[in-house]
């Protein structure tokens, strides 16, 4: 495994990588979910690159950039065990040189859900992903389905800018008790963590109701909210049931694939999760 700490170093190493090159962009503090992405890339690509960069542009003024957890030695050990070949750990001043004034904005998908609650967040995501794609020049890039809106924003970014990279989505990795893995889970107190299980329980209740025939959008949202609102430490930012592609909120009967997603705060920790509800195929 080779480690580059500047863009020039990485580009020099990149020239020796056999295609196809799979790429997993991360903000570090890696966990089993990241490992699953790297291993998926390893199984499908001749070479695998991972970036570790905590991107300040996607944090809001009251968010946790400074306290975002960091563990470079642990990250590098996980990357090596998962089969990564190239690691990019760029310095902040290279990714955002003094006087930087260019940002990438994806319209349409970014004004709702996470975008409504975290203004500017997806500008930061779209900008750093574009910059990393330009540096790494991957053939494929791997993202988890837990960040459902981010995944859709990146797919739109790649389509609209004709970027020559295939976006591969991978299943959400969960703890045995159902909690979706997140680098922010470390902030939860034992009591908050126990109550956070209501997120996956609520999604599962709605999913089971959908499979059983429930198609009313508000009834499905209510099943999730009821589960979470029973937890005294939970503060809901949103529970959404939206068209899976446009992210337009659904009302009345759910016909096509729908994204059931949520964001909930426990103390200072904000967690997201989702499932996609898909009607059975006709015939």
Protein backbone atom coordinates (compact mmCIF):
# COMPACT_ATOMS: atom_id res chain seq x y z
CA UNK A 1 0.00 0.00 0.00
CA UNK A 2 1.39 3.40 -1.02
CA UNK A 3 0.53 6.68 0.69
CA UNK A 4 0.57 10.07 -1.03
CA UNK A 5 0.36 13.29 0.99
CA UNK A 6 0.32 15.68 -1.94
CA UNK A 7 -1.58 15.75 -5.20
CA UNK A 8 1.65 15.50 -7.19
CA UNK A 9 2.73 12.41 -5.25
CA UNK A 10 -0.61 10.75 -5.86
CA UNK A 11 -0.60 11.50 -9.57
CA UNK A 12 2.84 9.97 -9.87
CA UNK A 13 1.65 6.80 -8.14
CA UNK A 14 -1.59 6.78 -10.15
CA UNK A 15 0.33 6.42 -13.39
CA UNK A 16 1.49 2.96 -12.30
CA UNK A 17 -1.97 1.68 -11.35
CA UNK A 18 -3.54 -0.91 -13.63
CA UNK A 19 -7.11 -0.26 -14.80
CA UNK A 20 -9.80 -0.36 -13.76
CA UNK A 21 -9.11 1.83 -10.72
CA UNK A 22 -11.77 1.79 -8.01
CA UNK A 23 -11.99 4.78 -5.68
CA UNK A 24 -13.50 5.21 -2.20
CA UNK A 25 -13.56 8.85 -1.01
CA UNK A 26 -13.79 9.18 2.79
CA UNK A 27 -13.45 11.70 5.60
CA UNK A 28 -11.53 9.21 7.70
CA UNK A 29 -12.35 7.62 11.06
CA UNK A 30 -13.13 4.54 9.04
CA UNK A 31 -15.43 1.75 10.18
CA UNK A 32 -16.80 -1.52 8.81
CA UNK A 33 -19.02 0.36 6.37
CA UNK A 34 -15.99 1.94 4.72
CA UNK A 35 -14.23 -1.40 4.79
CA UNK A 36 -17.14 -2.95 2.88
CA UNK A 37 -16.79 -0.26 0.18
CA UNK A 38 -13.05 -0.87 -0.15
CA UNK A 39 -13.54 -4.63 -0.27
CA UNK A 40 -16.24 -4.26 -2.94
CA UNK A 41 -13.86 -2.13 -5.00
CA UNK A 42 -11.09 -4.68 -4.41
CA UNK A 43 -13.31 -7.47 -5.75
CA UNK A 44 -14.15 -5.56 -8.93
CA UNK A 45 -11.04 -3.54 -9.78
CA UNK A 46 -7.37 -4.14 -10.54
CA UNK A 47 -6.34 -1.29 -8.22
CA UNK A 48 -8.08 0.53 -5.38
CA UNK A 49 -7.53 4.09 -4.15
CA UNK A 50 -8.89 5.63 -0.94
CA UNK A 51 -8.85 9.31 0.00
CA UNK A 52 -8.87 10.54 3.59
CA UNK A 53 -9.82 14.21 3.84
CA UNK A 54 -12.11 15.96 6.32
CA UNK A 55 -13.77 18.47 4.02
CA UNK A 56 -14.51 21.76 5.79
CA UNK A 57 -16.69 22.98 2.94
CA UNK A 58 -19.49 20.52 3.74
CA UNK A 59 -19.77 21.51 7.41
CA UNK A 60 -22.13 24.29 8.44
CA UNK A 61 -21.16 27.05 10.92
CA UNK A 62 -22.68 25.17 13.85
CA UNK A 63 -21.54 21.69 12.82
CA UNK A 64 -18.76 19.47 14.04
CA UNK A 65 -15.74 20.04 11.75
CA UNK A 66 -13.28 20.61 14.60
CA UNK A 67 -14.59 17.75 16.72
CA UNK A 68 -15.07 15.34 13.82
CA UNK A 69 -13.19 12.20 14.94
CA UNK A 70 -9.81 11.47 13.38
CA UNK A 71 -7.62 8.36 13.60
CA UNK A 72 -5.09 8.19 10.78
CA UNK A 73 -3.18 5.14 12.08
CA UNK A 74 -6.43 3.20 12.46
CA UNK A 75 -7.62 4.35 9.04
CA UNK A 76 -4.43 3.21 7.34
CA UNK A 77 -4.56 -0.18 9.07
CA UNK A 78 -8.15 -0.70 7.93
CA UNK A 79 -7.32 0.35 4.36
CA UNK A 80 -4.41 -2.06 4.18
CA UNK A 81 -6.44 -4.94 5.64
CA UNK A 82 -9.25 -4.28 3.15
CA UNK A 83 -6.88 -4.34 0.18
CA UNK A 84 -6.37 -0.68 -0.78
CA UNK A 85 -3.37 0.04 -3.01
CA UNK A 86 -3.16 3.85 -3.02
CA UNK A 87 -4.02 6.28 -0.23
CA UNK A 88 -4.44 10.01 -0.81
CA UNK A 89 -4.21 12.21 2.31
CA UNK A 90 -4.08 15.70 0.80
CA UNK A 91 -3.33 18.81 2.86
CA UNK A 92 -6.07 21.40 3.26
CA UNK A 93 -4.05 24.10 1.48
CA UNK A 94 -3.80 21.94 -1.66
CA UNK A 95 -7.46 21.07 -1.83
CA UNK A 96 -8.48 24.67 -1.13
CA UNK A 97 -5.63 27.01 -2.08
CA UNK A 98 -5.72 30.54 -0.72
CA UNK A 99 -8.18 32.59 -2.73
CA UNK A 100 -10.27 29.62 -3.87
CA UNK A 101 -13.52 31.01 -5.27
CA UNK A 102 -14.96 28.13 -7.34
CA UNK A 103 -17.68 25.78 -6.12
CA UNK A 104 -19.82 23.14 -7.78
CA UNK A 105 -23.57 23.30 -7.24
CA UNK A 106 -26.07 20.62 -8.24
CA UNK A 107 -29.53 22.10 -8.62
CA UNK A 108 -32.90 20.48 -8.01
CA UNK A 109 -31.94 17.64 -5.69
CA UNK A 110 -30.15 19.72 -3.06
CA UNK A 111 -32.86 22.03 -1.74
CA UNK A 112 -34.76 19.38 0.23
CA UNK A 113 -34.08 16.93 3.07
CA UNK A 114 -30.40 17.30 4.07
CA UNK A 115 -30.02 20.33 1.84
CA UNK A 116 -32.88 22.14 3.57
CA UNK A 117 -31.49 21.46 7.03
CA UNK A 118 -27.80 21.94 6.13
CA UNK A 119 -27.61 24.85 3.67
CA UNK A 120 -24.49 24.67 1.52
CA UNK A 121 -23.69 21.10 2.53
CA UNK A 122 -24.13 19.61 -0.93
CA UNK A 123 -22.15 22.42 -2.55
CA UNK A 124 -19.29 21.22 -0.37
CA UNK A 125 -19.90 17.58 -1.28
CA UNK A 126 -20.18 18.27 -5.02
CA UNK A 127 -17.08 20.47 -5.01
CA UNK A 128 -14.80 18.06 -3.15
CA UNK A 129 -16.02 15.02 -5.10
CA UNK A 130 -15.36 16.82 -8.39
CA UNK A 131 -11.88 17.83 -7.22
CA UNK A 132 -11.08 14.30 -6.02
CA UNK A 133 -12.33 12.77 -9.28
CA UNK A 134 -10.03 15.16 -11.14
CA UNK A 135 -7.05 14.16 -9.00
CA UNK A 136 -7.70 10.41 -8.76
CA UNK A 137 -9.25 9.88 -12.24
CA UNK A 138 -10.99 6.65 -11.17
CA UNK A 139 -12.86 4.29 -13.44
CA UNK A 140 -15.37 3.50 -10.68
CA UNK A 141 -16.21 5.16 -7.38
CA UNK A 142 -18.02 3.49 -4.49
CA UNK A 143 -20.58 5.08 -2.17
CA UNK A 144 -22.87 3.75 0.55
CA UNK A 145 -26.65 3.86 0.28
CA UNK A 146 -26.95 5.23 3.83
CA UNK A 147 -26.18 8.68 2.44
CA UNK A 148 -29.05 8.34 0.02
CA UNK A 149 -29.41 11.96 -1.05
CA UNK A 150 -25.65 12.34 -1.44
CA UNK A 151 -25.61 9.30 -3.71
CA UNK A 152 -28.27 10.82 -5.93
CA UNK A 153 -26.52 14.19 -6.01
CA UNK A 154 -23.25 12.56 -7.08
CA UNK A 155 -24.97 10.53 -9.78
CA UNK A 156 -26.53 13.75 -11.13
CA UNK A 157 -23.16 15.54 -10.91
CA UNK A 158 -21.46 12.80 -12.94
CA UNK A 159 -24.24 12.79 -15.51
CA UNK A 160 -24.48 16.55 -15.94
CA UNK A 161 -20.72 17.15 -16.17
CA UNK A 162 -20.02 14.06 -18.32
CA UNK A 163 -17.47 12.81 -15.81
CA UNK A 164 -15.92 9.52 -16.98
CA UNK A 165 -16.54 7.54 -13.79
CA UNK A 166 -19.06 4.83 -12.95
CA UNK A 167 -20.82 5.34 -9.59
CA UNK A 168 -21.34 2.08 -7.70
CA UNK A 169 -23.76 2.08 -4.75
CA UNK A 170 -23.31 -0.37 -1.89
CA UNK A 171 -25.70 -1.57 0.80
CA UNK A 172 -25.83 0.15 4.18
CA UNK A 173 -23.75 -1.69 6.77
CA UNK A 174 -25.38 -2.01 10.19
CA UNK A 175 -24.46 -3.07 13.68
CA UNK A 176 -25.99 -6.43 14.72
CA UNK A 177 -28.76 -4.51 16.53
CA UNK A 178 -29.67 -2.55 13.39
CA UNK A 179 -27.99 0.82 13.97
CA UNK A 180 -26.49 2.09 10.70
CA UNK A 181 -22.74 2.49 10.97
CA UNK A 182 -21.54 6.10 11.12
CA UNK A 183 -18.37 7.81 12.24
CA UNK A 184 -20.61 9.98 14.44
CA UNK A 185 -21.94 7.03 16.46
CA UNK A 186 -18.92 7.45 18.74
CA UNK A 187 -20.52 10.63 20.11
CA UNK A 188 -23.60 8.81 21.45
CA UNK A 189 -23.94 8.15 25.16
CA UNK A 190 -25.10 4.62 26.09
CA UNK A 191 -28.64 5.91 26.64
CA UNK A 192 -28.66 7.85 23.37
CA UNK A 193 -27.34 4.85 21.48
CA UNK A 194 -30.06 2.61 22.90
CA UNK A 195 -32.73 5.11 21.86
CA UNK A 196 -31.13 5.56 18.42
CA UNK A 197 -32.21 2.01 17.59
CA UNK A 198 -35.68 3.52 17.09
CA UNK A 199 -34.49 4.79 13.71
CA UNK A 200 -33.98 1.38 12.15
CA UNK A 201 -37.03 0.00 14.04
CA UNK A 202 -39.23 2.73 12.61
CA UNK A 203 -37.96 2.20 9.09
CA UNK A 204 -38.44 -1.54 9.45
CA UNK A 205 -42.03 -1.09 10.71
CA UNK A 206 -42.88 1.07 7.69
CA UNK A 207 -41.15 -1.34 5.32
CA UNK A 208 -43.09 -4.27 6.74
CA UNK A 209 -46.35 -2.32 6.44
CA UNK A 210 -45.50 -1.46 2.83
CA UNK A 211 -44.83 -5.12 2.01
CA UNK A 212 -48.16 -5.97 3.65
CA UNK A 213 -49.96 -3.53 1.34
CA UNK A 214 -49.94 -0.11 3.03
CA UNK A 215 -49.55 2.53 0.33
CA UNK A 216 -50.62 5.76 2.03
CA UNK A 217 -47.58 8.04 2.25
CA UNK A 218 -48.56 9.80 5.47
CA UNK A 219 -49.46 6.53 7.20
CA UNK A 220 -45.99 5.19 6.37
CA UNK A 221 -44.30 8.35 7.64
CA UNK A 222 -46.39 8.19 10.81
CA UNK A 223 -45.21 4.66 11.60
CA UNK A 224 -41.63 5.94 11.61
CA UNK A 225 -42.38 9.10 13.58
CA UNK A 226 -44.35 7.24 16.24
CA UNK A 227 -41.42 4.91 16.89
CA UNK A 228 -38.93 7.76 17.20
CA UNK A 229 -41.15 10.17 19.11
CA UNK A 230 -41.49 7.54 21.85
CA UNK A 231 -37.80 8.16 22.66
CA UNK A 232 -37.39 11.09 25.11
CA UNK A 233 -33.92 12.06 23.84
CA UNK A 234 -34.81 12.08 20.14
CA UNK A 235 -35.36 15.32 18.20
CA UNK A 236 -36.59 14.75 14.65
CA UNK A 237 -35.28 16.98 11.87
CA UNK A 238 -37.38 15.22 9.27
CA UNK A 239 -39.08 11.99 8.29
CA UNK A 240 -39.57 11.98 4.53
CA UNK A 241 -41.19 9.71 1.98
CA UNK A 242 -40.14 10.99 -1.43
CA UNK A 243 -39.87 9.86 -5.02
CA UNK A 244 -36.69 7.80 -5.14
CA UNK A 245 -35.18 9.76 -8.04
CA UNK A 246 -36.52 13.33 -7.92
CA UNK A 247 -36.78 13.41 -4.08
CA UNK A 248 -40.13 15.20 -4.42
CA UNK A 249 -42.20 14.52 -1.30
CA UNK A 250 -45.05 12.08 -1.88
CA UNK A 251 -48.66 12.51 -0.82
CA UNK A 252 -51.52 10.06 -1.12
CA UNK A 253 -50.87 6.66 -2.65
CA UNK A 254 -47.29 5.53 -3.19
CA UNK A 255 -46.93 4.10 -6.68
CA UNK A 256 -43.29 3.79 -7.76
CA UNK A 257 -40.07 3.34 -5.81
CA UNK A 258 -39.94 5.70 -2.82
CA UNK A 259 -37.12 6.81 -0.52
CA UNK A 260 -38.12 6.71 3.15
CA UNK A 261 -35.46 8.72 4.94
CA UNK A 262 -34.92 10.50 8.23
CA UNK A 263 -32.58 12.67 10.23
CA UNK A 264 -32.75 12.65 14.03
CA UNK A 265 -30.65 14.32 16.73
CA UNK A 266 -29.64 12.77 20.01
CA UNK A 267 -27.95 15.47 22.04
CA UNK A 268 -25.32 16.97 19.75
CA UNK A 269 -25.25 13.95 17.43
CA UNK A 270 -27.22 13.94 14.20
CA UNK A 271 -27.97 10.56 12.59
CA UNK A 272 -29.46 9.70 9.20
CA UNK A 273 -30.88 6.47 7.80
CA UNK A 274 -33.19 5.31 5.03
CA UNK A 275 -34.77 2.45 3.12
CA UNK A 276 -36.13 2.31 -0.42
CA UNK A 277 -39.70 1.03 -0.73
CA UNK A 278 -40.30 -0.71 -4.02
CA UNK A 279 -43.68 -2.07 -5.12
CA UNK A 280 -43.53 -5.66 -6.37
CA UNK A 281 -42.95 -5.99 -10.09
CA UNK A 282 -46.10 -6.42 -12.13
CA UNK A 283 -46.80 -9.90 -13.41
